[in-house]
PDB file of all heavy atoms in Angstrom:
ATOM      1  N   ASN A   1       0.815  -1.210   0.000  1.00  0.00           N
ATOM      2  CA  ASN A   1       0.000   0.000   0.000  1.00  0.00           C
ATOM      3  C   ASN A   1       0.853   1.267   0.000  1.00  0.00           C
ATOM      4  O   ASN A   1       0.418   2.310  -0.477  1.00  0.00           O
ATOM      5  CB  ASN A   1      -0.943  -0.005   1.194  1.00  0.00           C
ATOM      6  CG  ASN A   1      -2.053  -1.034   1.050  1.00  0.00           C
ATOM      7  OD1 ASN A   1      -2.392  -1.447  -0.063  1.00  0.00           O
ATOM      8  ND2 ASN A   1      -2.618  -1.468   2.164  1.00  0.00           N
ATOM      9  N   ALA A   2       2.043   1.184   0.541  1.00  0.00           N
ATOM     10  CA  ALA A   2       2.932   2.351   0.548  1.00  0.00           C
ATOM     11  C   ALA A   2       3.365   2.721  -0.868  1.00  0.00           C
ATOM     12  O   ALA A   2       3.682   3.885  -1.145  1.00  0.00           O
ATOM     13  CB  ALA A   2       4.137   2.087   1.422  1.00  0.00           C
ATOM     14  N   LYS A   3       3.390   1.717  -1.732  1.00  0.00           N
ATOM     15  CA  LYS A   3       3.813   1.945  -3.118  1.00  0.00           C
ATOM     16  C   LYS A   3       2.648   1.918  -4.095  1.00  0.00           C
ATOM     17  O   LYS A   3       2.850   2.004  -5.310  1.00  0.00           O
ATOM     18  CB  LYS A   3       4.847   0.900  -3.531  1.00  0.00           C
ATOM     19  CG  LYS A   3       6.140   0.965  -2.743  1.00  0.00           C
ATOM     20  CD  LYS A   3       7.131  -0.078  -3.223  1.00  0.00           C
ATOM     21  CE  LYS A   3       8.436   0.021  -2.475  1.00  0.00           C
ATOM     22  NZ  LYS A   3       9.430  -0.997  -2.934  1.00  0.00           N
ATOM     23  N   ASN A   4       1.428   1.768  -3.573  1.00  0.00           N
ATOM     24  CA  ASN A   4       0.253   1.660  -4.449  1.00  0.00           C
ATOM     25  C   ASN A   4       0.459   0.605  -5.533  1.00  0.00           C
ATOM     26  O   ASN A   4       0.127   0.808  -6.706  1.00  0.00           O
ATOM     27  CB  ASN A   4      -0.068   3.009  -5.110  1.00  0.00           C
ATOM     28  CG  ASN A   4      -0.764   3.966  -4.174  1.00  0.00           C
ATOM     29  OD1 ASN A   4      -0.828   3.743  -2.959  1.00  0.00           O
ATOM     30  ND2 ASN A   4      -1.293   5.052  -4.707  1.00  0.00           N
ATOM     31  N   THR A   5       0.987  -0.525  -5.140  1.00  0.00           N
ATOM     32  CA  THR A   5       1.356  -1.561  -6.095  1.00  0.00           C
ATOM     33  C   THR A   5       0.826  -2.919  -5.649  1.00  0.00           C
ATOM     34  O   THR A   5       0.852  -3.238  -4.455  1.00  0.00           O
ATOM     35  CB  THR A   5       2.882  -1.620  -6.263  1.00  0.00           C
ATOM     36  OG1 THR A   5       3.353  -0.347  -6.737  1.00  0.00           O
ATOM     37  CG2 THR A   5       3.289  -2.688  -7.265  1.00  0.00           C
ATOM     38  N   VAL A   6       0.371  -3.673  -6.615  1.00  0.00           N
ATOM     39  CA  VAL A   6      -0.040  -5.048  -6.376  1.00  0.00           C
ATOM     40  C   VAL A   6       0.826  -5.952  -7.252  1.00  0.00           C
ATOM     41  O   VAL A   6       1.195  -5.584  -8.373  1.00  0.00           O
ATOM     42  CB  VAL A   6      -1.554  -5.239  -6.647  1.00  0.00           C
ATOM     43  CG1 VAL A   6      -1.920  -4.922  -8.084  1.00  0.00           C
ATOM     44  CG2 VAL A   6      -2.012  -6.639  -6.268  1.00  0.00           C
ATOM     45  N   TYR A   7       1.163  -7.112  -6.710  1.00  0.00           N
ATOM     46  CA  TYR A   7       2.072  -8.038  -7.379  1.00  0.00           C
ATOM     47  C   TYR A   7       1.390  -9.380  -7.617  1.00  0.00           C
ATOM     48  O   TYR A   7       0.452  -9.749  -6.907  1.00  0.00           O
ATOM     49  CB  TYR A   7       3.319  -8.267  -6.515  1.00  0.00           C
ATOM     50  CG  TYR A   7       4.063  -7.013  -6.149  1.00  0.00           C
ATOM     51  CD1 TYR A   7       3.833  -6.398  -4.918  1.00  0.00           C
ATOM     52  CD2 TYR A   7       4.980  -6.446  -7.014  1.00  0.00           C
ATOM     53  CE1 TYR A   7       4.505  -5.241  -4.567  1.00  0.00           C
ATOM     54  CE2 TYR A   7       5.655  -5.284  -6.672  1.00  0.00           C
ATOM     55  CZ  TYR A   7       5.422  -4.687  -5.453  1.00  0.00           C
ATOM     56  OH  TYR A   7       6.098  -3.535  -5.107  1.00  0.00           O
ATOM     57  N   LEU A   8       1.920 -10.103  -8.582  1.00  0.00           N
ATOM     58  CA  LEU A   8       1.492 -11.471  -8.799  1.00  0.00           C
ATOM     59  C   LEU A   8       2.738 -12.298  -9.089  1.00  0.00           C
ATOM     60  O   LEU A   8       3.359 -12.148 -10.151  1.00  0.00           O
ATOM     61  CB  LEU A   8       0.495 -11.594  -9.950  1.00  0.00           C
ATOM     62  CG  LEU A   8      -0.093 -12.985 -10.140  1.00  0.00           C
ATOM     63  CD1 LEU A   8      -0.999 -13.349  -8.953  1.00  0.00           C
ATOM     64  CD2 LEU A   8      -0.872 -13.088 -11.443  1.00  0.00           C
ATOM     65  N   GLN A   9       3.103 -13.123  -8.135  1.00  0.00           N
ATOM     66  CA  GLN A   9       4.212 -14.051  -8.330  1.00  0.00           C
ATOM     67  C   GLN A   9       3.644 -15.328  -8.915  1.00  0.00           C
ATOM     68  O   GLN A   9       2.733 -15.922  -8.338  1.00  0.00           O
ATOM     69  CB  GLN A   9       4.896 -14.339  -6.995  1.00  0.00           C
ATOM     70  CG  GLN A   9       6.011 -15.364  -7.091  1.00  0.00           C
ATOM     71  CD  GLN A   9       7.225 -14.820  -7.833  1.00  0.00           C
ATOM     72  OE1 GLN A   9       7.765 -13.767  -7.490  1.00  0.00           O
ATOM     73  NE2 GLN A   9       7.669 -15.546  -8.852  1.00  0.00           N
ATOM     74  N   MET A  10       4.184 -15.737 -10.048  1.00  0.00           N
ATOM     75  CA  MET A  10       3.663 -16.911 -10.745  1.00  0.00           C
ATOM     76  C   MET A  10       4.773 -17.937 -10.872  1.00  0.00           C
ATOM     77  O   MET A  10       5.840 -17.645 -11.420  1.00  0.00           O
ATOM     78  CB  MET A  10       3.152 -16.516 -12.130  1.00  0.00           C
ATOM     79  CG  MET A  10       2.115 -15.413 -12.094  1.00  0.00           C
ATOM     80  SD  MET A  10       1.380 -15.067 -13.706  1.00  0.00           S
ATOM     81  CE  MET A  10       2.801 -14.407 -14.571  1.00  0.00           C
ATOM     82  N   LEU A  11       4.523 -19.107 -10.347  1.00  0.00           N
ATOM     83  CA  LEU A  11       5.485 -20.203 -10.405  1.00  0.00           C
ATOM     84  C   LEU A  11       4.914 -21.331 -11.255  1.00  0.00           C
ATOM     85  O   LEU A  11       3.696 -21.473 -11.394  1.00  0.00           O
ATOM     86  CB  LEU A  11       5.778 -20.721  -8.997  1.00  0.00           C
ATOM     87  CG  LEU A  11       6.281 -19.718  -7.963  1.00  0.00           C
ATOM     88  CD1 LEU A  11       6.446 -20.409  -6.610  1.00  0.00           C
ATOM     89  CD2 LEU A  11       7.559 -19.067  -8.387  1.00  0.00           C
ATOM     90  N   ASN A  12       5.807 -22.158 -11.767  1.00  0.00           N
ATOM     91  CA  ASN A  12       5.411 -23.351 -12.506  1.00  0.00           C
ATOM     92  C   ASN A  12       4.352 -23.020 -13.567  1.00  0.00           C
ATOM     93  O   ASN A  12       3.291 -23.661 -13.627  1.00  0.00           O
ATOM     94  CB  ASN A  12       4.889 -24.413 -11.539  1.00  0.00           C
ATOM     95  CG  ASN A  12       4.733 -25.764 -12.189  1.00  0.00           C
ATOM     96  OD1 ASN A  12       5.307 -26.039 -13.240  1.00  0.00           O
ATOM     97  ND2 ASN A  12       3.938 -26.623 -11.568  1.00  0.00           N
ATOM     98  N   LEU A  13       4.651 -22.057 -14.393  1.00  0.00           N
ATOM     99  CA  LEU A  13       3.685 -21.607 -15.400  1.00  0.00           C
ATOM    100  C   LEU A  13       3.415 -22.685 -16.433  1.00  0.00           C
ATOM    101  O   LEU A  13       4.290 -23.486 -16.784  1.00  0.00           O
ATOM    102  CB  LEU A  13       4.207 -20.340 -16.072  1.00  0.00           C
ATOM    103  CG  LEU A  13       4.001 -19.062 -15.251  1.00  0.00           C
ATOM    104  CD1 LEU A  13       4.960 -17.980 -15.693  1.00  0.00           C
ATOM    105  CD2 LEU A  13       2.559 -18.591 -15.374  1.00  0.00           C
ATOM    106  N   LYS A  14       2.189 -22.694 -16.926  1.00  0.00           N
ATOM    107  CA  LYS A  14       1.734 -23.686 -17.879  1.00  0.00           C
ATOM    108  C   LYS A  14       1.461 -23.030 -19.233  1.00  0.00           C
ATOM    109  O   LYS A  14       1.172 -21.829 -19.312  1.00  0.00           O
ATOM    110  CB  LYS A  14       0.478 -24.367 -17.348  1.00  0.00           C
ATOM    111  CG  LYS A  14       0.679 -25.019 -15.990  1.00  0.00           C
ATOM    112  CD  LYS A  14      -0.599 -25.654 -15.479  1.00  0.00           C
ATOM    113  CE  LYS A  14      -0.367 -26.304 -14.119  1.00  0.00           C
ATOM    114  NZ  LYS A  14      -1.585 -26.964 -13.605  1.00  0.00           N
ATOM    115  N   LEU A  15       1.526 -23.846 -20.257  1.00  0.00           N
ATOM    116  CA  LEU A  15       1.308 -23.336 -21.618  1.00  0.00           C
ATOM    117  C   LEU A  15      -0.016 -22.569 -21.738  1.00  0.00           C
ATOM    118  O   LEU A  15      -0.082 -21.519 -22.376  1.00  0.00           O
ATOM    119  CB  LEU A  15       1.319 -24.491 -22.615  1.00  0.00           C
ATOM    120  CG  LEU A  15       2.655 -25.189 -22.846  1.00  0.00           C
ATOM    121  CD1 LEU A  15       2.451 -26.467 -23.653  1.00  0.00           C
ATOM    122  CD2 LEU A  15       3.633 -24.262 -23.545  1.00  0.00           C
ATOM    123  N   GLU A  16      -1.048 -23.108 -21.111  1.00  0.00           N
ATOM    124  CA  GLU A  16      -2.385 -22.523 -21.246  1.00  0.00           C
ATOM    125  C   GLU A  16      -2.543 -21.228 -20.480  1.00  0.00           C
ATOM    126  O   GLU A  16      -3.600 -20.600 -20.528  1.00  0.00           O
ATOM    127  CB  GLU A  16      -3.450 -23.529 -20.801  1.00  0.00           C
ATOM    128  CG  GLU A  16      -3.321 -24.000 -19.373  1.00  0.00           C
ATOM    129  CD  GLU A  16      -2.515 -25.289 -19.251  1.00  0.00           C
ATOM    130  OE1 GLU A  16      -1.619 -25.522 -20.097  1.00  0.00           O
ATOM    131  OE2 GLU A  16      -2.786 -26.053 -18.308  1.00  0.00           O
ATOM    132  N   GLU A  17      -1.505 -20.824 -19.766  1.00  0.00           N
ATOM    133  CA  GLU A  17      -1.582 -19.566 -19.024  1.00  0.00           C
ATOM    134  C   GLU A  17      -1.017 -18.390 -19.826  1.00  0.00           C
ATOM    135  O   GLU A  17      -0.907 -17.275 -19.314  1.00  0.00           O
ATOM    136  CB  GLU A  17      -0.884 -19.715 -17.676  1.00  0.00           C
ATOM    137  CG  GLU A  17      -1.693 -20.663 -16.786  1.00  0.00           C
ATOM    138  CD  GLU A  17      -1.070 -20.999 -15.472  1.00  0.00           C
ATOM    139  OE1 GLU A  17       0.159 -21.201 -15.405  1.00  0.00           O
ATOM    140  OE2 GLU A  17      -1.851 -21.112 -14.492  1.00  0.00           O
ATOM    141  N   THR A  18      -0.694 -18.656 -21.066  1.00  0.00           N
ATOM    142  CA  THR A  18      -0.340 -17.574 -21.973  1.00  0.00           C
ATOM    143  C   THR A  18      -1.548 -16.660 -22.138  1.00  0.00           C
ATOM    144  O   THR A  18      -2.635 -17.110 -22.499  1.00  0.00           O
ATOM    145  CB  THR A  18       0.079 -18.138 -23.341  1.00  0.00           C
ATOM    146  OG1 THR A  18       1.298 -18.866 -23.179  1.00  0.00           O
ATOM    147  CG2 THR A  18       0.257 -17.033 -24.350  1.00  0.00           C
ATOM    148  N   ALA A  19      -1.340 -15.386 -21.859  1.00  0.00           N
ATOM    149  CA  ALA A  19      -2.447 -14.434 -21.893  1.00  0.00           C
ATOM    150  C   ALA A  19      -1.893 -13.036 -21.638  1.00  0.00           C
ATOM    151  O   ALA A  19      -0.727 -12.876 -21.274  1.00  0.00           O
ATOM    152  CB  ALA A  19      -3.489 -14.770 -20.829  1.00  0.00           C
ATOM    153  N   VAL A  20      -2.746 -12.052 -21.809  1.00  0.00           N
ATOM    154  CA  VAL A  20      -2.434 -10.707 -21.334  1.00  0.00           C
ATOM    155  C   VAL A  20      -2.991 -10.602 -19.920  1.00  0.00           C
ATOM    156  O   VAL A  20      -4.158 -10.922 -19.682  1.00  0.00           O
ATOM    157  CB  VAL A  20      -3.040  -9.629 -22.238  1.00  0.00           C
ATOM    158  CG1 VAL A  20      -2.703  -8.240 -21.688  1.00  0.00           C
ATOM    159  CG2 VAL A  20      -2.525  -9.777 -23.656  1.00  0.00           C
ATOM    160  N   TYR A  21      -2.154 -10.187 -19.015  1.00  0.00           N
ATOM    161  CA  TYR A  21      -2.531 -10.067 -17.616  1.00  0.00           C
ATOM    162  C   TYR A  21      -2.758  -8.602 -17.261  1.00  0.00           C
ATOM    163  O   TYR A  21      -1.958  -7.728 -17.616  1.00  0.00           O
ATOM    164  CB  TYR A  21      -1.446 -10.677 -16.729  1.00  0.00           C
ATOM    165  CG  TYR A  21      -1.445 -12.182 -16.739  1.00  0.00           C
ATOM    166  CD1 TYR A  21      -1.063 -12.897 -17.869  1.00  0.00           C
ATOM    167  CD2 TYR A  21      -1.853 -12.900 -15.614  1.00  0.00           C
ATOM    168  CE1 TYR A  21      -1.081 -14.283 -17.901  1.00  0.00           C
ATOM    169  CE2 TYR A  21      -1.882 -14.295 -15.628  1.00  0.00           C
ATOM    170  CZ  TYR A  21      -1.491 -14.974 -16.772  1.00  0.00           C
ATOM    171  OH  TYR A  21      -1.523 -16.353 -16.785  1.00  0.00           O
ATOM    172  N   TYR A  22      -3.868  -8.385 -16.563  1.00  0.00           N
ATOM    173  CA  TYR A  22      -4.271  -7.042 -16.163  1.00  0.00           C
ATOM    174  C   TYR A  22      -4.515  -7.006 -14.658  1.00  0.00           C
ATOM    175  O   TYR A  22      -4.896  -8.009 -14.054  1.00  0.00           O
ATOM    176  CB  TYR A  22      -5.590  -6.645 -16.820  1.00  0.00           C
ATOM    177  CG  TYR A  22      -5.620  -6.679 -18.320  1.00  0.00           C
ATOM    178  CD1 TYR A  22      -5.925  -7.847 -19.008  1.00  0.00           C
ATOM    179  CD2 TYR A  22      -5.383  -5.522 -19.066  1.00  0.00           C
ATOM    180  CE1 TYR A  22      -5.975  -7.872 -20.382  1.00  0.00           C
ATOM    181  CE2 TYR A  22      -5.444  -5.537 -20.461  1.00  0.00           C
ATOM    182  CZ  TYR A  22      -5.732  -6.729 -21.104  1.00  0.00           C
ATOM    183  OH  TYR A  22      -5.800  -6.742 -22.482  1.00  0.00           O
ATOM    184  N   CYS A  23      -4.356  -5.851 -14.093  1.00  0.00           N
ATOM    185  CA  CYS A  23      -4.821  -5.660 -12.725  1.00  0.00           C
ATOM    186  C   CYS A  23      -5.980  -4.672 -12.748  1.00  0.00           C
ATOM    187  O   CYS A  23      -6.144  -3.880 -13.673  1.00  0.00           O
ATOM    188  CB  CYS A  23      -3.710  -5.164 -11.807  1.00  0.00           C
ATOM    189  SG  CYS A  23      -3.260  -3.439 -12.046  1.00  0.00           S
ATOM    190  N   ASN A  24      -6.799  -4.743 -11.740  1.00  0.00           N
ATOM    191  CA  ASN A  24      -7.896  -3.812 -11.558  1.00  0.00           C
ATOM    192  C   ASN A  24      -8.466  -4.040 -10.175  1.00  0.00           C
ATOM    193  O   ASN A  24      -8.049  -4.949  -9.442  1.00  0.00           O
ATOM    194  CB  ASN A  24      -8.963  -3.995 -12.631  1.00  0.00           C
ATOM    195  CG  ASN A  24      -9.639  -2.670 -13.002  1.00  0.00           C
ATOM    196  OD1 ASN A  24     -10.002  -1.891 -12.134  1.00  0.00           O
ATOM    197  ND2 ASN A  24      -9.785  -2.439 -14.296  1.00  0.00           N
TER     198      ASN A  24
END
């Protein structure tokens, strides 16, 4: 919250997770 930032750590990614990722 101090940086107004949200993160997403993604491990063991799969082929089907190819996509454009958005936050909201």
